[in-house]
């Protein structure tokens, strides 16, 4: 099912790539990496040491010979850093980046120009948009819908079951341009609107409207994000309207 590659563009020691994998042009693969069946890696992609791409789901371990690997795709110009695991049945767009030890589970779709920080985990069955920034040590849940340009900062937790281990999985939805700051917790089934801000350490227990600031435990809606100003009285949010530094967003012109 897998074979040892003898001609790699970065290192050929202990690198294993399935016969059915499709590897694009100018791809670099690190020592100890495994690429399973039915994986496609886009051009100019870097995969660091000890990564697993196309990791099989539970049925493989019950009967490896009968397991049919579902398609896994990583877009062009991506960077997958060391010890990252990406399961089978995942579609990832161009210019994707991970930190180290990231985990992305099956049935996930991730857009272009999105980054996923070190030791963060996506349990699967989720859709994440374009230009999303997920920082390190973030624990997402199954069945998320995260729209374009969202920022999620370190140690944020999204949950999906009200009374574990009982009950159905509930979807968390996060609207475009929303920012969720460090250590916030989002309870199951919550919908957060566009351009909202969830303050550090907030516990979000109910839906959040567009452009609202939520702080505290339990989280309280305290004001519009348009009321947040810097020391000189300048408006800061929505952040898209105030961003002056070039960050590569499609509406920015590079000087």
Protein backbone atom coordinates (compact mmCIF):
# COMPACT_ATOMS: atom_id res chain seq x y z
CA UNK A 1 0.00 0.00 0.00
CA UNK A 2 2.88 2.38 0.72
CA UNK A 3 6.38 2.43 -0.67
CA UNK A 4 9.65 4.11 0.13
CA UNK A 5 10.44 7.09 -2.06
CA UNK A 6 14.02 7.22 -3.30
CA UNK A 7 13.90 10.56 -5.13
CA UNK A 8 12.60 13.44 -3.04
CA UNK A 9 13.53 17.08 -3.47
CA UNK A 10 14.42 17.67 0.17
CA UNK A 11 15.13 14.40 1.94
CA UNK A 12 14.64 10.78 0.95
CA UNK A 13 15.36 9.18 4.33
CA UNK A 14 12.45 7.29 5.85
CA UNK A 15 9.85 9.05 3.70
CA UNK A 16 6.90 6.87 2.67
CA UNK A 17 4.45 7.84 -0.06
CA UNK A 18 1.58 5.72 -1.36
CA UNK A 19 1.65 4.57 -4.97
CA UNK A 20 -1.71 6.29 -5.47
CA UNK A 21 -0.64 9.67 -4.07
CA UNK A 22 -0.21 12.57 -6.50
CA UNK A 23 2.69 14.85 -5.61
CA UNK A 24 2.90 18.22 -7.37
CA UNK A 25 5.93 20.04 -8.70
CA UNK A 26 8.65 21.32 -6.38
CA UNK A 27 7.19 19.63 -3.29
CA UNK A 28 9.53 19.17 -0.32
CA UNK A 29 8.88 16.35 2.15
CA UNK A 30 10.65 15.94 5.50
CA UNK A 31 12.17 12.91 7.18
CA UNK A 32 9.70 10.47 8.74
CA UNK A 33 6.63 11.72 6.88
CA UNK A 34 3.93 9.28 5.71
CA UNK A 35 1.55 10.07 2.85
CA UNK A 36 -1.28 7.54 2.54
CA UNK A 37 -3.46 6.48 -0.40
CA UNK A 38 -5.55 8.90 -2.46
CA UNK A 39 -3.71 12.05 -1.35
CA UNK A 40 -2.98 14.96 -3.68
CA UNK A 41 -0.34 17.54 -2.74
CA UNK A 42 -0.27 20.82 -4.69
CA UNK A 43 2.75 22.42 -6.32
CA UNK A 44 5.41 24.23 -4.27
CA UNK A 45 4.20 22.76 -0.99
CA UNK A 46 6.48 22.14 1.98
CA UNK A 47 5.76 19.23 4.34
CA UNK A 48 8.01 19.09 7.39
CA UNK A 49 9.37 16.09 9.27
CA UNK A 50 7.17 13.43 10.89
CA UNK A 51 3.88 14.51 9.33
CA UNK A 52 1.04 12.17 8.39
CA UNK A 53 -1.13 13.14 5.43
CA UNK A 54 -4.28 11.13 4.72
CA UNK A 55 -4.34 9.44 8.14
CA UNK A 56 -7.02 6.73 7.98
CA UNK A 57 -10.18 6.80 10.07
CA UNK A 58 -11.16 4.13 12.61
CA UNK A 59 -12.43 1.59 10.07
CA UNK A 60 -8.90 1.12 8.75
CA UNK A 61 -7.70 -0.32 12.04
CA UNK A 62 -10.54 -2.84 12.13
CA UNK A 63 -9.76 -4.20 8.67
CA UNK A 64 -6.85 -2.49 6.87
CA UNK A 65 -7.15 -4.57 3.71
CA UNK A 66 -10.78 -3.55 3.14
CA UNK A 67 -10.39 0.17 3.86
CA UNK A 68 -10.95 2.55 0.94
CA UNK A 69 -9.14 5.83 1.51
CA UNK A 70 -11.20 8.91 0.71
CA UNK A 71 -9.60 11.79 -1.19
CA UNK A 72 -7.37 14.23 0.69
CA UNK A 73 -6.24 17.40 -1.07
CA UNK A 74 -3.74 20.05 0.00
CA UNK A 75 -3.56 23.10 -2.26
CA UNK A 76 -0.59 24.77 -3.89
CA UNK A 77 2.01 26.79 -1.98
CA UNK A 78 1.10 25.33 1.40
CA UNK A 79 3.34 24.86 4.44
CA UNK A 80 2.68 21.86 6.70
CA UNK A 81 5.06 22.04 9.64
CA UNK A 82 6.51 19.13 11.57
CA UNK A 83 4.39 16.52 13.37
CA UNK A 84 1.12 17.69 11.82
CA UNK A 85 -1.56 15.07 11.16
CA UNK A 86 -4.18 15.60 8.44
CA UNK A 87 -6.77 12.83 8.12
CA UNK A 88 -8.29 11.40 4.97
CA UNK A 89 -11.34 13.09 3.41
CA UNK A 90 -10.04 16.63 3.94
CA UNK A 91 -9.95 19.38 1.31
CA UNK A 92 -7.59 22.30 1.89
CA UNK A 93 -7.11 25.33 -0.37
CA UNK A 94 -3.98 27.07 -1.63
CA UNK A 95 -1.53 28.92 0.63
CA UNK A 96 -2.54 26.97 3.73
CA UNK A 97 -0.18 26.93 6.73
CA UNK A 98 0.06 25.00 9.96
CA UNK A 99 2.24 25.33 13.00
CA UNK A 100 3.71 22.23 14.63
CA UNK A 101 1.64 19.30 15.99
CA UNK A 102 -1.61 20.51 14.40
CA UNK A 103 -4.42 17.95 13.94
CA UNK A 104 -7.13 18.20 11.28
CA UNK A 105 -9.72 15.42 11.27
CA UNK A 106 -11.84 13.93 8.49
CA UNK A 107 -14.74 15.55 6.60
CA UNK A 108 -13.28 19.03 6.85
CA UNK A 109 -13.09 21.72 4.17
CA UNK A 110 -10.64 24.59 4.65
CA UNK A 111 -10.32 27.58 2.32
CA UNK A 112 -7.32 29.37 0.85
CA UNK A 113 -4.82 31.54 2.75
CA UNK A 114 -5.92 30.06 6.07
CA UNK A 115 -3.52 29.26 8.91
CA UNK A 116 -3.80 26.76 11.74
CA UNK A 117 -1.51 27.19 14.74
CA UNK A 118 0.71 24.80 16.67
CA UNK A 119 -1.08 22.18 18.82
CA UNK A 120 -4.50 23.30 17.60
CA UNK A 121 -7.10 20.66 16.75
CA UNK A 122 -10.08 20.47 14.42
CA UNK A 123 -12.07 17.29 15.26
CA UNK A 124 -13.66 17.24 11.81
CA UNK A 125 -16.96 17.59 9.93
CA UNK A 126 -16.39 21.33 9.66
CA UNK A 127 -16.06 24.10 7.11
CA UNK A 128 -13.54 26.91 7.54
CA UNK A 129 -13.39 29.80 5.08
CA UNK A 130 -10.65 31.83 3.43
CA UNK A 131 -8.06 33.96 5.26
CA UNK A 132 -9.00 32.52 8.66
CA UNK A 133 -6.36 32.80 11.41
CA UNK A 134 -6.50 30.08 14.05
CA UNK A 135 -3.73 30.60 16.58
CA UNK A 136 -1.92 28.00 18.70
CA UNK A 137 -3.58 25.72 21.27
CA UNK A 138 -7.11 26.25 19.96
CA UNK A 139 -9.61 23.41 20.49
CA UNK A 140 -12.39 23.53 17.96
CA UNK A 141 -15.31 21.09 17.92
CA UNK A 142 -16.98 18.95 15.29
CA UNK A 143 -19.55 20.56 13.04
CA UNK A 144 -18.21 24.13 12.94
CA UNK A 145 -18.95 26.72 10.29
CA UNK A 146 -16.30 29.44 10.43
CA UNK A 147 -16.65 32.11 7.76
CA UNK A 148 -13.96 34.14 5.97
CA UNK A 149 -11.47 36.45 7.74
CA UNK A 150 -12.19 35.20 11.27
CA UNK A 151 -9.46 35.42 13.92
CA UNK A 152 -9.37 32.89 16.78
CA UNK A 153 -6.68 33.48 19.39
CA UNK A 154 -4.81 31.02 21.67
CA UNK A 155 -6.60 28.64 24.06
CA UNK A 156 -10.09 29.31 22.70
CA UNK A 157 -12.47 26.34 23.08
CA UNK A 158 -15.56 25.62 20.98
CA UNK A 159 -17.99 23.01 22.33
CA UNK A 160 -20.79 21.07 20.65
CA UNK A 161 -22.72 18.94 23.19
CA UNK A 162 -24.81 20.46 26.00
CA UNK A 163 -24.89 17.40 28.25
CA UNK A 164 -21.92 15.18 27.41
CA UNK A 165 -21.73 12.31 26.80
CA UNK A 166 -25.46 12.51 26.01
CA UNK A 167 -27.23 14.51 23.33
CA UNK A 168 -26.76 15.50 19.72
CA UNK A 169 -23.84 17.41 18.26
CA UNK A 170 -24.73 21.07 17.76
CA UNK A 171 -23.22 23.41 15.19
CA UNK A 172 -21.23 26.51 16.09
CA UNK A 173 -21.34 29.30 13.48
CA UNK A 174 -18.93 32.23 13.42
CA UNK A 175 -19.53 35.13 11.04
CA UNK A 176 -17.05 36.95 8.82
CA UNK A 177 -14.38 39.22 10.38
CA UNK A 178 -15.24 38.17 13.94
CA UNK A 179 -12.44 38.00 16.51
CA UNK A 180 -12.45 35.59 19.45
CA UNK A 181 -9.77 36.46 21.97
CA UNK A 182 -7.68 34.18 24.19
CA UNK A 183 -9.27 31.66 26.58
CA UNK A 184 -12.85 32.37 25.48
CA UNK A 185 -15.27 29.41 25.57
CA UNK A 186 -18.19 29.10 23.15
CA UNK A 187 -21.04 26.85 24.34
CA UNK A 188 -22.82 24.42 21.97
CA UNK A 189 -25.11 25.63 19.20
CA UNK A 190 -24.06 29.28 19.37
CA UNK A 191 -24.21 31.57 16.34
CA UNK A 192 -21.89 34.59 16.39
CA UNK A 193 -22.57 37.33 13.85
CA UNK A 194 -20.21 39.27 11.61
CA UNK A 195 -17.58 41.69 12.93
CA UNK A 196 -18.26 40.68 16.54
CA UNK A 197 -15.62 40.65 19.28
CA UNK A 198 -15.54 38.00 22.00
CA UNK A 199 -13.33 39.27 24.82
CA UNK A 200 -10.56 37.29 26.48
CA UNK A 201 -11.90 34.71 28.93
CA UNK A 202 -15.54 35.25 27.98
CA UNK A 203 -18.05 32.41 28.31
CA UNK A 204 -20.53 32.76 25.44
CA UNK A 205 -23.88 31.23 26.41
CA UNK A 206 -26.21 32.75 23.80
CA UNK A 207 -26.18 33.99 20.23
CA UNK A 208 -24.26 37.16 19.38
CA UNK A 209 -25.47 39.81 16.93
CA UNK A 210 -23.30 41.52 14.31
CA UNK A 211 -20.75 44.07 15.56
CA UNK A 212 -21.30 43.42 19.27
CA UNK A 213 -18.68 43.23 22.04
CA UNK A 214 -19.11 40.33 24.49
CA UNK A 215 -17.11 40.19 27.74
CA UNK A 216 -17.22 38.36 31.05
CA UNK A 217 -18.41 35.05 32.52
CA UNK A 218 -21.18 34.60 31.65
CA UNK A 219 -20.68 36.73 28.56
CA UNK A 220 -22.56 40.02 28.41
CA UNK A 221 -23.28 42.20 25.40
CA UNK A 222 -21.84 45.54 26.52
CA UNK A 223 -21.72 47.73 23.40
CA UNK A 224 -21.17 48.05 19.68
CA UNK A 225 -17.64 47.37 18.47
CA UNK A 226 -17.84 50.76 16.75
CA UNK A 227 -17.63 52.38 20.19
CA UNK A 228 -14.14 50.97 20.79
CA UNK A 229 -11.51 53.66 20.24
CA UNK A 230 -7.78 54.07 20.74
CA UNK A 231 -6.18 56.64 23.05
CA UNK A 232 -6.51 59.31 20.38
CA UNK A 233 -10.19 58.68 19.79
CA UNK A 234 -9.83 56.80 16.51
CA UNK A 235 -12.28 54.02 15.72
CA UNK A 236 -10.69 50.55 15.74
CA UNK A 237 -13.51 48.25 14.64
CA UNK A 238 -14.68 46.74 12.39
CA UNK A 239 -11.00 45.97 11.98
CA UNK A 240 -11.18 45.66 8.19
CA UNK A 241 -11.99 49.37 7.94
CA UNK A 242 -9.12 50.38 10.25
CA UNK A 243 -6.34 48.05 9.11
CA UNK A 244 -3.42 50.06 7.75
CA UNK A 245 -0.62 47.50 7.91
CA UNK A 246 -0.33 45.32 4.82
CA UNK A 247 -1.41 41.76 5.72
CA UNK A 248 -2.01 40.33 2.26
CA UNK A 249 -5.79 40.65 2.34
CA UNK A 250 -7.49 40.85 -1.07
CA UNK A 251 -8.78 44.40 -0.54
CA UNK A 252 -5.29 45.74 0.29
CA UNK A 253 -2.84 47.18 -2.20
CA UNK A 254 0.79 46.26 -1.64
CA UNK A 255 2.98 49.36 -1.72
